[in-house]
Amino acid sequence: MITLTQNAKNHLKKLSEKHKKSYVRLEVKGGGCAGFEYEWTFSNGPDKNDMIVENILLIDRMFEMYILNMELDYVEEIFGSNFVFKNPQAKNTCGCGTSFSI
């Protein structure tokens, strides 16, 4: 359903530890400059409709059609680091990389 690179998995674990939560949650919300945007939160446990990815990332099944076969990477660069969403469902993305349209 969604693939995490090792860099993404490592960074999600660091974030969950820093915020003293068991999981990081990824949601898809309406908004952003392209129509939909990814939103991050933290959680101590899964909800009944959640998928658990690599025992660190929670995603509600209602977002499955928006992120099917997505790869999540984390890239560290000299002038900034960020998550990179390689989402085959996205027809267009904006310059920030966190907003997309289907």
PDB file of N, CA and C in Angstrom:
ATOM      1  N   MET A   1       0.830  -1.199   0.000  1.00  0.00           N
ATOM      2  CA  MET A   1       0.000   0.000   0.000  1.00  0.00           C
ATOM      3  C   MET A   1       0.864   1.247   0.000  1.00  0.00           C
ATOM      4  N   ILE A   2       1.760   1.394   0.998  1.00  0.00           N
ATOM      5  CA  ILE A   2       2.710   2.501   1.055  1.00  0.00           C
ATOM      6  C   ILE A   2       4.052   1.928   1.487  1.00  0.00           C
ATOM      7  N   THR A   3       5.106   2.412   0.873  1.00  0.00           N
ATOM      8  CA  THR A   3       6.449   1.944   1.169  1.00  0.00           C
ATOM      9  C   THR A   3       7.228   3.062   1.843  1.00  0.00           C
ATOM     10  N   LEU A   4       7.947   2.703   2.886  1.00  0.00           N
ATOM     11  CA  LEU A   4       8.828   3.652   3.558  1.00  0.00           C
ATOM     12  C   LEU A   4      10.265   3.303   3.211  1.00  0.00           C
ATOM     13  N   THR A   5      11.040   4.308   2.807  1.00  0.00           N
ATOM     14  CA  THR A   5      12.471   4.065   2.652  1.00  0.00           C
ATOM     15  C   THR A   5      13.066   3.965   4.056  1.00  0.00           C
ATOM     16  N   GLN A   6      14.266   3.463   4.136  1.00  0.00           N
ATOM     17  CA  GLN A   6      14.915   3.359   5.445  1.00  0.00           C
ATOM     18  C   GLN A   6      15.108   4.736   6.071  1.00  0.00           C
ATOM     19  N   ASN A   7      15.449   5.748   5.253  1.00  0.00           N
ATOM     20  CA  ASN A   7      15.591   7.110   5.777  1.00  0.00           C
ATOM     21  C   ASN A   7      14.292   7.628   6.361  1.00  0.00           C
ATOM     22  N   ALA A   8      13.183   7.377   5.677  1.00  0.00           N
ATOM     23  CA  ALA A   8      11.877   7.826   6.177  1.00  0.00           C
ATOM     24  C   ALA A   8      11.534   7.107   7.475  1.00  0.00           C
ATOM     25  N   LYS A   9      11.732   5.818   7.502  1.00  0.00           N
ATOM     26  CA  LYS A   9      11.435   5.034   8.703  1.00  0.00           C
ATOM     27  C   LYS A   9      12.258   5.524   9.886  1.00  0.00           C
ATOM     28  N   ASN A  10      13.555   5.756   9.674  1.00  0.00           N
ATOM     29  CA  ASN A  10      14.420   6.234  10.748  1.00  0.00           C
ATOM     30  C   ASN A  10      13.970   7.605  11.258  1.00  0.00           C
ATOM     31  N   HIS A  11      13.615   8.497  10.349  1.00  0.00           N
ATOM     32  CA  HIS A  11      13.202   9.835  10.775  1.00  0.00           C
ATOM     33  C   HIS A  11      11.854   9.797  11.502  1.00  0.00           C
ATOM     34  N   LEU A  12      10.920   8.977  11.029  1.00  0.00           N
ATOM     35  CA  LEU A  12       9.631   8.845  11.727  1.00  0.00           C
ATOM     36  C   LEU A  12       9.846   8.340  13.150  1.00  0.00           C
ATOM     37  N   LYS A  13      10.760   7.398  13.326  1.00  0.00           N
ATOM     38  CA  LYS A  13      11.059   6.888  14.674  1.00  0.00           C
ATOM     39  C   LYS A  13      11.641   7.984  15.554  1.00  0.00           C
ATOM     40  N   LYS A  14      12.547   8.798  14.997  1.00  0.00           N
ATOM     41  CA  LYS A  14      13.118   9.912  15.757  1.00  0.00           C
ATOM     42  C   LYS A  14      12.030  10.900  16.167  1.00  0.00           C
ATOM     43  N   LEU A  15      11.131  11.206  15.241  1.00  0.00           N
ATOM     44  CA  LEU A  15      10.046  12.145  15.550  1.00  0.00           C
ATOM     45  C   LEU A  15       9.124  11.612  16.639  1.00  0.00           C
ATOM     46  N   SER A  16       8.775  10.334  16.549  1.00  0.00           N
ATOM     47  CA  SER A  16       7.870   9.757  17.556  1.00  0.00           C
ATOM     48  C   SER A  16       8.538   9.752  18.927  1.00  0.00           C
ATOM     49  N   GLU A  17       9.814   9.453  18.982  1.00  0.00           N
ATOM     50  CA  GLU A  17      10.536   9.472  20.259  1.00  0.00           C
ATOM     51  C   GLU A  17      10.626  10.886  20.819  1.00  0.00           C
ATOM     52  N   LYS A  18      10.938  11.849  19.953  1.00  0.00           N
ATOM     53  CA  LYS A  18      11.057  13.245  20.375  1.00  0.00           C
ATOM     54  C   LYS A  18       9.748  13.764  20.968  1.00  0.00           C
ATOM     55  N   HIS A  19       8.627  13.360  20.384  1.00  0.00           N
ATOM     56  CA  HIS A  19       7.311  13.828  20.837  1.00  0.00           C
ATOM     57  C   HIS A  19       6.652  12.875  21.827  1.00  0.00           C
ATOM     58  N   LYS A  20       7.399  11.844  22.225  1.00  0.00           N
ATOM     59  CA  LYS A  20       6.945  10.872  23.225  1.00  0.00           C
ATOM     60  C   LYS A  20       5.605  10.226  22.853  1.00  0.00           C
ATOM     61  N   LYS A  21       5.503   9.845  21.591  1.00  0.00           N
ATOM     62  CA  LYS A  21       4.330   9.142  21.074  1.00  0.00           C
ATOM     63  C   LYS A  21       4.788   7.853  20.419  1.00  0.00           C
ATOM     64  N   SER A  22       3.898   6.884  20.340  1.00  0.00           N
ATOM     65  CA  SER A  22       4.250   5.588  19.766  1.00  0.00           C
ATOM     66  C   SER A  22       4.237   5.583  18.246  1.00  0.00           C
ATOM     67  N   TYR A  23       3.412   6.443  17.647  1.00  0.00           N
ATOM     68  CA  TYR A  23       3.224   6.435  16.199  1.00  0.00           C
ATOM     69  C   TYR A  23       3.182   7.854  15.640  1.00  0.00           C
ATOM     70  N   VAL A  24       3.489   7.941  14.361  1.00  0.00           N
ATOM     71  CA  VAL A  24       3.263   9.150  13.582  1.00  0.00           C
ATOM     72  C   VAL A  24       2.069   8.845  12.681  1.00  0.00           C
ATOM     73  N   ARG A  25       1.185   9.809  12.537  1.00  0.00           N
ATOM     74  CA  ARG A  25      -0.020   9.622  11.713  1.00  0.00           C
ATOM     75  C   ARG A  25       0.069  10.506  10.475  1.00  0.00           C
ATOM     76  N   LEU A  26      -0.252   9.924   9.316  1.00  0.00           N
ATOM     77  CA  LEU A  26      -0.304  10.656   8.060  1.00  0.00           C
ATOM     78  C   LEU A  26      -1.757  10.706   7.594  1.00  0.00           C
ATOM     79  N   GLU A  27      -2.228  11.914   7.301  1.00  0.00           N
ATOM     80  CA  GLU A  27      -3.598  12.101   6.814  1.00  0.00           C
ATOM     81  C   GLU A  27      -3.568  12.877   5.512  1.00  0.00           C
ATOM     82  N   VAL A  28      -4.650  12.798   4.764  1.00  0.00           N
ATOM     83  CA  VAL A  28      -4.831  13.581   3.548  1.00  0.00           C
ATOM     84  C   VAL A  28      -6.013  14.494   3.794  1.00  0.00           C
ATOM     85  N   LYS A  29      -5.795  15.789   3.610  1.00  0.00           N
ATOM     86  CA  LYS A  29      -6.838  16.787   3.856  1.00  0.00           C
ATOM     87  C   LYS A  29      -7.064  17.595   2.590  1.00  0.00           C
ATOM     88  N   GLY A  30      -8.275  18.093   2.434  1.00  0.00           N
ATOM     89  CA  GLY A  30      -8.546  19.028   1.358  1.00  0.00           C
ATOM     90  C   GLY A  30      -7.849  20.337   1.650  1.00  0.00           C
ATOM     91  N   GLY A  31      -7.238  20.933   0.643  1.00  0.00           N
ATOM     92  CA  GLY A  31      -6.551  22.204   0.832  1.00  0.00           C
ATOM     93  C   GLY A  31      -5.219  22.214   0.125  1.00  0.00           C
ATOM     94  N   GLY A  32      -4.406  23.167   0.492  1.00  0.00           N
ATOM     95  CA  GLY A  32      -3.127  23.323  -0.182  1.00  0.00           C
ATOM     96  C   GLY A  32      -3.334  23.945  -1.545  1.00  0.00           C
ATOM     97  N   CYS A  33      -2.274  24.288  -2.212  1.00  0.00           N
ATOM     98  CA  CYS A  33      -2.406  24.977  -3.493  1.00  0.00           C
ATOM     99  C   CYS A  33      -2.780  24.050  -4.647  1.00  0.00           C
ATOM    100  N   ALA A  34      -2.732  22.731  -4.449  1.00  0.00           N
ATOM    101  CA  ALA A  34      -3.074  21.806  -5.525  1.00  0.00           C
ATOM    102  C   ALA A  34      -4.375  21.029  -5.269  1.00  0.00           C
ATOM    103  N   GLY A  35      -5.022  21.206  -4.125  1.00  0.00           N
ATOM    104  CA  GLY A  35      -6.296  20.546  -3.870  1.00  0.00           C
ATOM    105  C   GLY A  35      -6.315  19.651  -2.647  1.00  0.00           C
ATOM    106  N   PHE A  36      -5.257  18.863  -2.454  1.00  0.00           N
ATOM    107  CA  PHE A  36      -5.119  18.010  -1.281  1.00  0.00           C
ATOM    108  C   PHE A  36      -3.739  18.253  -0.686  1.00  0.00           C
ATOM    109  N   GLU A  37      -3.620  17.997   0.612  1.00  0.00           N
ATOM    110  CA  GLU A  37      -2.311  18.122   1.241  1.00  0.00           C
ATOM    111  C   GLU A  37      -2.140  17.043   2.295  1.00  0.00           C
ATOM    112  N   TYR A  38      -0.890  16.687   2.535  1.00  0.00           N
ATOM    113  CA  TYR A  38      -0.552  15.719   3.565  1.00  0.00           C
ATOM    114  C   TYR A  38      -0.468  16.457   4.897  1.00  0.00           C
ATOM    115  N   GLU A  39      -0.950  15.801   5.947  1.00  0.00           N
ATOM    116  CA  GLU A  39      -0.909  16.404   7.274  1.00  0.00           C
ATOM    117  C   GLU A  39      -0.375  15.386   8.265  1.00  0.00           C
ATOM    118  N   TRP A  40       0.519  15.815   9.139  1.00  0.00           N
ATOM    119  CA  TRP A  40       1.164  14.951  10.118  1.00  0.00           C
ATOM    120  C   TRP A  40       0.641  15.241  11.523  1.00  0.00           C
ATOM    121  N   THR A  41       0.435  14.187  12.294  1.00  0.00           N
ATOM    122  CA  THR A  41       0.140  14.290  13.720  1.00  0.00           C
ATOM    123  C   THR A  41       0.818  13.104  14.408  1.00  0.00           C
ATOM    124  N   PHE A  42       0.640  13.018  15.715  1.00  0.00           N
ATOM    125  CA  PHE A  42       1.219  11.914  16.493  1.00  0.00           C
ATOM    126  C   PHE A  42       0.104  11.197  17.241  1.00  0.00           C
ATOM    127  N   SER A  43       0.348   9.931  17.591  1.00  0.00           N
ATOM    128  CA  SER A  43      -0.658   9.136  18.281  1.00  0.00           C
ATOM    129  C   SER A  43       0.025   8.107  19.175  1.00  0.00           C
ATOM    130  N   ASN A  44      -0.657   7.743  20.249  1.00  0.00           N
ATOM    131  CA  ASN A  44      -0.149   6.682  21.118  1.00  0.00           C
ATOM    132  C   ASN A  44      -0.621   5.303  20.691  1.00  0.00           C
ATOM    133  N   GLY A  45      -1.614   5.251  19.803  1.00  0.00           N
ATOM    134  CA  GLY A  45      -2.097   3.956  19.355  1.00  0.00           C
ATOM    135  C   GLY A  45      -2.994   4.078  18.155  1.00  0.00           C
ATOM    136  N   PRO A  46      -3.188   2.976  17.448  1.00  0.00           N
ATOM    137  CA  PRO A  46      -4.027   3.003  16.257  1.00  0.00           C
ATOM    138  C   PRO A  46      -5.516   3.076  16.600  1.00  0.00           C
ATOM    139  N   ASP A  47      -6.277   3.673  15.688  1.00  0.00           N
ATOM    140  CA  ASP A  47      -7.734   3.637  15.748  1.00  0.00           C
ATOM    141  C   ASP A  47      -8.207   2.398  15.002  1.00  0.00           C
ATOM    142  N   LYS A  48      -9.479   2.083  15.101  1.00  0.00           N
ATOM    143  CA  LYS A  48      -9.978   0.829  14.531  1.00  0.00           C
ATOM    144  C   LYS A  48      -9.849   0.753  13.011  1.00  0.00           C
ATOM    145  N   ASN A  49      -9.825   1.895  12.300  1.00  0.00           N
ATOM    146  CA  ASN A  49      -9.727   1.894  10.839  1.00  0.00           C
ATOM    147  C   ASN A  49      -8.319   2.147  10.324  1.00  0.00           C
ATOM    148  N   ASP A  50      -7.335   2.154  11.212  1.00  0.00           N
ATOM    149  CA  ASP A  50      -5.971   2.479  10.812  1.00  0.00           C
ATOM    150  C   ASP A  50      -5.223   1.294  10.227  1.00  0.00           C
ATOM    151  N   MET A  51      -4.403   1.605   9.232  1.00  0.00           N
ATOM    152  CA  MET A  51      -3.391   0.674   8.751  1.00  0.00           C
ATOM    153  C   MET A  51      -2.107   1.052   9.485  1.00  0.00           C
ATOM    154  N   ILE A  52      -1.335   0.065   9.843  1.00  0.00           N
ATOM    155  CA  ILE A  52      -0.054   0.315  10.502  1.00  0.00           C
ATOM    156  C   ILE A  52       1.043  -0.057   9.517  1.00  0.00           C
ATOM    157  N   VAL A  53       1.898   0.909   9.196  1.00  0.00           N
ATOM    158  CA  VAL A  53       2.979   0.699   8.232  1.00  0.00           C
ATOM    159  C   VAL A  53       4.300   0.679   8.989  1.00  0.00           C
ATOM    160  N   GLU A  54       5.011  -0.427   8.866  1.00  0.00           N
ATOM    161  CA  GLU A  54       6.340  -0.586   9.476  1.00  0.00           C
ATOM    162  C   GLU A  54       6.335  -0.316  10.981  1.00  0.00           C
ATOM    163  N   ASN A  55       5.222  -0.546  11.624  1.00  0.00           N
ATOM    164  CA  ASN A  55       5.066  -0.390  13.073  1.00  0.00           C
ATOM    165  C   ASN A  55       5.419   1.015  13.585  1.00  0.00           C
ATOM    166  N   ILE A  56       5.290   2.031  12.702  1.00  0.00           N
ATOM    167  CA  ILE A  56       5.583   3.401  13.114  1.00  0.00           C
ATOM    168  C   ILE A  56       4.600   4.413  12.519  1.00  0.00           C
ATOM    169  N   LEU A  57       4.023   4.111  11.355  1.00  0.00           N
ATOM    170  CA  LEU A  57       3.161   5.066  10.652  1.00  0.00           C
ATOM    171  C   LEU A  57       1.717   4.574  10.641  1.00  0.00           C
ATOM    172  N   LEU A  58       0.797   5.453  11.046  1.00  0.00           N
ATOM    173  CA  LEU A  58      -0.634   5.147  11.023  1.00  0.00           C
ATOM    174  C   LEU A  58      -1.293   5.909   9.882  1.00  0.00           C
ATOM    175  N   ILE A  59      -2.158   5.207   9.141  1.00  0.00           N
ATOM    176  CA  ILE A  59      -2.921   5.830   8.063  1.00  0.00           C
ATOM    177  C   ILE A  59      -4.333   5.270   8.115  1.00  0.00           C
ATOM    178  N   ASP A  60      -5.312   6.154   8.221  1.00  0.00           N
ATOM    179  CA  ASP A  60      -6.715   5.734   8.204  1.00  0.00           C
ATOM    180  C   ASP A  60      -7.038   5.163   6.822  1.00  0.00           C
ATOM    181  N   ARG A  61      -7.742   4.061   6.782  1.00  0.00           N
ATOM    182  CA  ARG A  61      -8.071   3.387   5.515  1.00  0.00           C
ATOM    183  C   ARG A  61      -8.864   4.278   4.556  1.00  0.00           C
ATOM    184  N   MET A  62      -9.540   5.310   5.056  1.00  0.00           N
ATOM    185  CA  MET A  62     -10.311   6.172   4.154  1.00  0.00           C
ATOM    186  C   MET A  62      -9.389   6.980   3.233  1.00  0.00           C
ATOM    187  N   PHE A  63      -8.084   7.068   3.548  1.00  0.00           N
ATOM    188  CA  PHE A  63      -7.141   7.797   2.707  1.00  0.00           C
ATOM    189  C   PHE A  63      -6.434   6.883   1.705  1.00  0.00           C
ATOM    190  N   GLU A  64      -6.747   5.597   1.733  1.00  0.00           N
ATOM    191  CA  GLU A  64      -6.040   4.616   0.922  1.00  0.00           C
ATOM    192  C   GLU A  64      -6.053   4.963  -0.568  1.00  0.00           C
ATOM    193  N   MET A  65      -7.172   5.400  -1.105  1.00  0.00           N
ATOM    194  CA  MET A  65      -7.245   5.675  -2.541  1.00  0.00           C
ATOM    195  C   MET A  65      -6.361   6.863  -2.950  1.00  0.00           C
ATOM    196  N   TYR A  66      -6.021   7.725  -2.002  1.00  0.00           N
ATOM    197  CA  TYR A  66      -5.190   8.887  -2.310  1.00  0.00           C
ATOM    198  C   TYR A  66      -3.694   8.572  -2.289  1.00  0.00           C
ATOM    199  N   ILE A  67      -3.316   7.503  -1.619  1.00  0.00           N
ATOM    200  CA  ILE A  67      -1.885   7.223  -1.434  1.00  0.00           C
ATOM    201  C   ILE A  67      -1.492   5.803  -1.840  1.00  0.00           C
ATOM    202  N   LEU A  68      -2.337   5.126  -2.572  1.00  0.00           N
ATOM    203  CA  LEU A  68      -2.074   3.759  -2.999  1.00  0.00           C
ATOM    204  C   LEU A  68      -0.741   3.667  -3.744  1.00  0.00           C
ATOM    205  N   ASN A  69       0.119   2.775  -3.307  1.00  0.00           N
ATOM    206  CA  ASN A  69       1.439   2.520  -3.897  1.00  0.00           C
ATOM    207  C   ASN A  69       2.416   3.693  -3.769  1.00  0.00           C
ATOM    208  N   MET A  70       2.198   4.565  -2.809  1.00  0.00           N
ATOM    209  CA  MET A  70       3.089   5.689  -2.594  1.00  0.00           C
ATOM    210  C   MET A  70       4.371   5.232  -1.905  1.00  0.00           C
ATOM    211  N   GLU A  71       5.472   5.884  -2.244  1.00  0.00           N
ATOM    212  CA  GLU A  71       6.730   5.690  -1.532  1.00  0.00           C
ATOM    213  C   GLU A  71       7.030   6.975  -0.768  1.00  0.00           C
ATOM    214  N   LEU A  72       7.338   6.822   0.510  1.00  0.00           N
ATOM    215  CA  LEU A  72       7.688   7.962   1.345  1.00  0.00           C
ATOM    216  C   LEU A  72       9.173   7.890   1.646  1.00  0.00           C
ATOM    217  N   ASP A  73       9.884   8.962   1.301  1.00  0.00           N
ATOM    218  CA  ASP A  73      11.319   9.032   1.540  1.00  0.00           C
ATOM    219  C   ASP A  73      11.602  10.245   2.423  1.00  0.00           C
ATOM    220  N   TYR A  74      12.772  10.271   3.019  1.00  0.00           N
ATOM    221  CA  TYR A  74      13.224  11.438   3.775  1.00  0.00           C
ATOM    222  C   TYR A  74      14.609  11.785   3.265  1.00  0.00           C
ATOM    223  N   VAL A  75      14.760  13.032   2.823  1.00  0.00           N
ATOM    224  CA  VAL A  75      15.998  13.476   2.203  1.00  0.00           C
ATOM    225  C   VAL A  75      16.627  14.551   3.072  1.00  0.00           C
ATOM    226  N   GLU A  76      17.903  14.366   3.389  1.00  0.00           N
ATOM    227  CA  GLU A  76      18.655  15.363   4.149  1.00  0.00           C
ATOM    228  C   GLU A  76      19.609  16.063   3.195  1.00  0.00           C
ATOM    229  N   GLU A  77      19.473  17.402   3.125  1.00  0.00           N
ATOM    230  CA  GLU A  77      20.324  18.200   2.263  1.00  0.00           C
ATOM    231  C   GLU A  77      20.954  19.333   3.065  1.00  0.00           C
ATOM    232  N   ILE A  78      21.924  19.979   2.496  1.00  0.00           N
ATOM    233  CA  ILE A  78      22.643  21.045   3.195  1.00  0.00           C
ATOM    234  C   ILE A  78      21.707  22.167   3.634  1.00  0.00           C
ATOM    235  N   PHE A  79      20.796  22.581   2.762  1.00  0.00           N
ATOM    236  CA  PHE A  79      19.939  23.730   3.062  1.00  0.00           C
ATOM    237  C   PHE A  79      18.548  23.353   3.540  1.00  0.00           C
ATOM    238  N   GLY A  80      18.340  22.112   3.893  1.00  0.00           N
ATOM    239  CA  GLY A  80      17.050  21.707   4.424  1.00  0.00           C
ATOM    240  C   GLY A  80      16.776  20.237   4.186  1.00  0.00           C
ATOM    241  N   SER A  81      15.975  19.691   5.039  1.00  0.00           N
ATOM    242  CA  SER A  81      15.604  18.287   4.945  1.00  0.00           C
ATOM    243  C   SER A  81      14.092  18.189   4.925  1.00  0.00           C
ATOM    244  N   ASN A  82      13.572  17.170   4.231  1.00  0.00           N
ATOM    245  CA  ASN A  82      12.129  17.036   4.155  1.00  0.00           C
ATOM    246  C   ASN A  82      11.718  15.637   3.685  1.00  0.00           C
ATOM    247  N   PHE A  83      10.455  15.345   3.919  1.00  0.00           N
ATOM    248  CA  PHE A  83       9.867  14.121   3.385  1.00  0.00           C
ATOM    249  C   PHE A  83       9.576  14.342   1.904  1.00  0.00           C
ATOM    250  N   VAL A  84       9.776  13.280   1.125  1.00  0.00           N
ATOM    251  CA  VAL A  84       9.478  13.313  -0.306  1.00  0.00           C
ATOM    252  C   VAL A  84       8.403  12.267  -0.565  1.00  0.00           C
ATOM    253  N   PHE A  85       7.282  12.716  -1.115  1.00  0.00           N
ATOM    254  CA  PHE A  85       6.150  11.856  -1.405  1.00  0.00           C
ATOM    255  C   PHE A  85       6.185  11.474  -2.881  1.00  0.00           C
ATOM    256  N   LYS A  86       6.434  10.203  -3.157  1.00  0.00           N
ATOM    257  CA  LYS A  86       6.406   9.704  -4.536  1.00  0.00           C
ATOM    258  C   LYS A  86       5.084   8.977  -4.701  1.00  0.00           C
ATOM    259  N   ASN A  87       4.061   9.766  -5.073  1.00  0.00           N
ATOM    260  CA  ASN A  87       2.690   9.287  -5.082  1.00  0.00           C
ATOM    261  C   ASN A  87       2.196   9.104  -6.520  1.00  0.00           C
ATOM    262  N   PRO A  88       2.019   7.847  -6.967  1.00  0.00           N
ATOM    263  CA  PRO A  88       1.544   7.628  -8.337  1.00  0.00           C
ATOM    264  C   PRO A  88       0.098   8.076  -8.552  1.00  0.00           C
ATOM    265  N   GLN A  89      -0.666   8.320  -7.501  1.00  0.00           N
ATOM    266  CA  GLN A  89      -2.039   8.795  -7.637  1.00  0.00           C
ATOM    267  C   GLN A  89      -2.094  10.290  -7.942  1.00  0.00           C
ATOM    268  N   ALA A  90      -1.035  11.011  -7.609  1.00  0.00           N
ATOM    269  CA  ALA A  90      -1.008  12.467  -7.791  1.00  0.00           C
ATOM    270  C   ALA A  90      -0.812  12.805  -9.262  1.00  0.00           C
ATOM    271  N   LYS A  91      -1.747  13.556  -9.810  1.00  0.00           N
ATOM    272  CA  LYS A  91      -1.641  14.000 -11.205  1.00  0.00           C
ATOM    273  C   LYS A  91      -0.808  15.279 -11.303  1.00  0.00           C
ATOM    274  N   ASN A  92      -0.907  16.116 -10.286  1.00  0.00           N
ATOM    275  CA  ASN A  92      -0.126  17.353 -10.214  1.00  0.00           C
ATOM    276  C   ASN A  92       0.321  17.556  -8.775  1.00  0.00           C
ATOM    277  N   THR A  93       1.463  18.193  -8.612  1.00  0.00           N
ATOM    278  CA  THR A  93       1.939  18.558  -7.283  1.00  0.00           C
ATOM    279  C   THR A  93       2.372  20.012  -7.319  1.00  0.00           C
ATOM    280  N   CYS A  94       2.444  20.618  -6.156  1.00  0.00           N
ATOM    281  CA  CYS A  94       2.900  22.000  -6.091  1.00  0.00           C
ATOM    282  C   CYS A  94       4.390  22.024  -5.774  1.00  0.00           C
ATOM    283  N   GLY A  95       4.972  23.190  -5.762  1.00  0.00           N
ATOM    284  CA  GLY A  95       6.395  23.332  -5.527  1.00  0.00           C
ATOM    285  C   GLY A  95       6.848  22.905  -4.149  1.00  0.00           C
ATOM    286  N   CYS A  96       5.951  22.995  -3.149  1.00  0.00           N
ATOM    287  CA  CYS A  96       6.346  22.633  -1.793  1.00  0.00           C
ATOM    288  C   CYS A  96       6.443  21.118  -1.604  1.00  0.00           C
ATOM    289  N   GLY A  97       5.804  20.351  -2.491  1.00  0.00           N
ATOM    290  CA  GLY A  97       5.886  18.895  -2.417  1.00  0.00           C
ATOM    291  C   GLY A  97       4.914  18.241  -1.455  1.00  0.00           C
ATOM    292  N   THR A  98       4.097  19.027  -0.758  1.00  0.00           N
ATOM    293  CA  THR A  98       3.152  18.435   0.183  1.00  0.00           C
ATOM    294  C   THR A  98       1.704  18.630  -0.251  1.00  0.00           C
ATOM    295  N   SER A  99       1.494  19.231  -1.392  1.00  0.00           N
ATOM    296  CA  SER A  99       0.151  19.459  -1.911  1.00  0.00           C
ATOM    297  C   SER A  99       0.053  18.787  -3.269  1.00  0.00           C
ATOM    298  N   PHE A 100      -1.106  18.163  -3.545  1.00  0.00           N
ATOM    299  CA  PHE A 100      -1.252  17.414  -4.800  1.00  0.00           C
ATOM    300  C   PHE A 100      -2.698  17.407  -5.248  1.00  0.00           C
ATOM    301  N   SER A 101      -2.911  17.032  -6.510  1.00  0.00           N
ATOM    302  CA  SER A 101      -4.270  16.849  -7.028  1.00  0.00           C
ATOM    303  C   SER A 101      -4.364  15.463  -7.644  1.00  0.00           C
ATOM    304  N   ILE A 102      -5.595  14.981  -7.725  1.00  0.00           N
ATOM    305  CA  ILE A 102      -5.833  13.629  -8.283  1.00  0.00           C
ATOM    306  C   ILE A 102      -6.693  13.752  -9.520  1.00  0.00           C
TER     307      ILE A 102
END
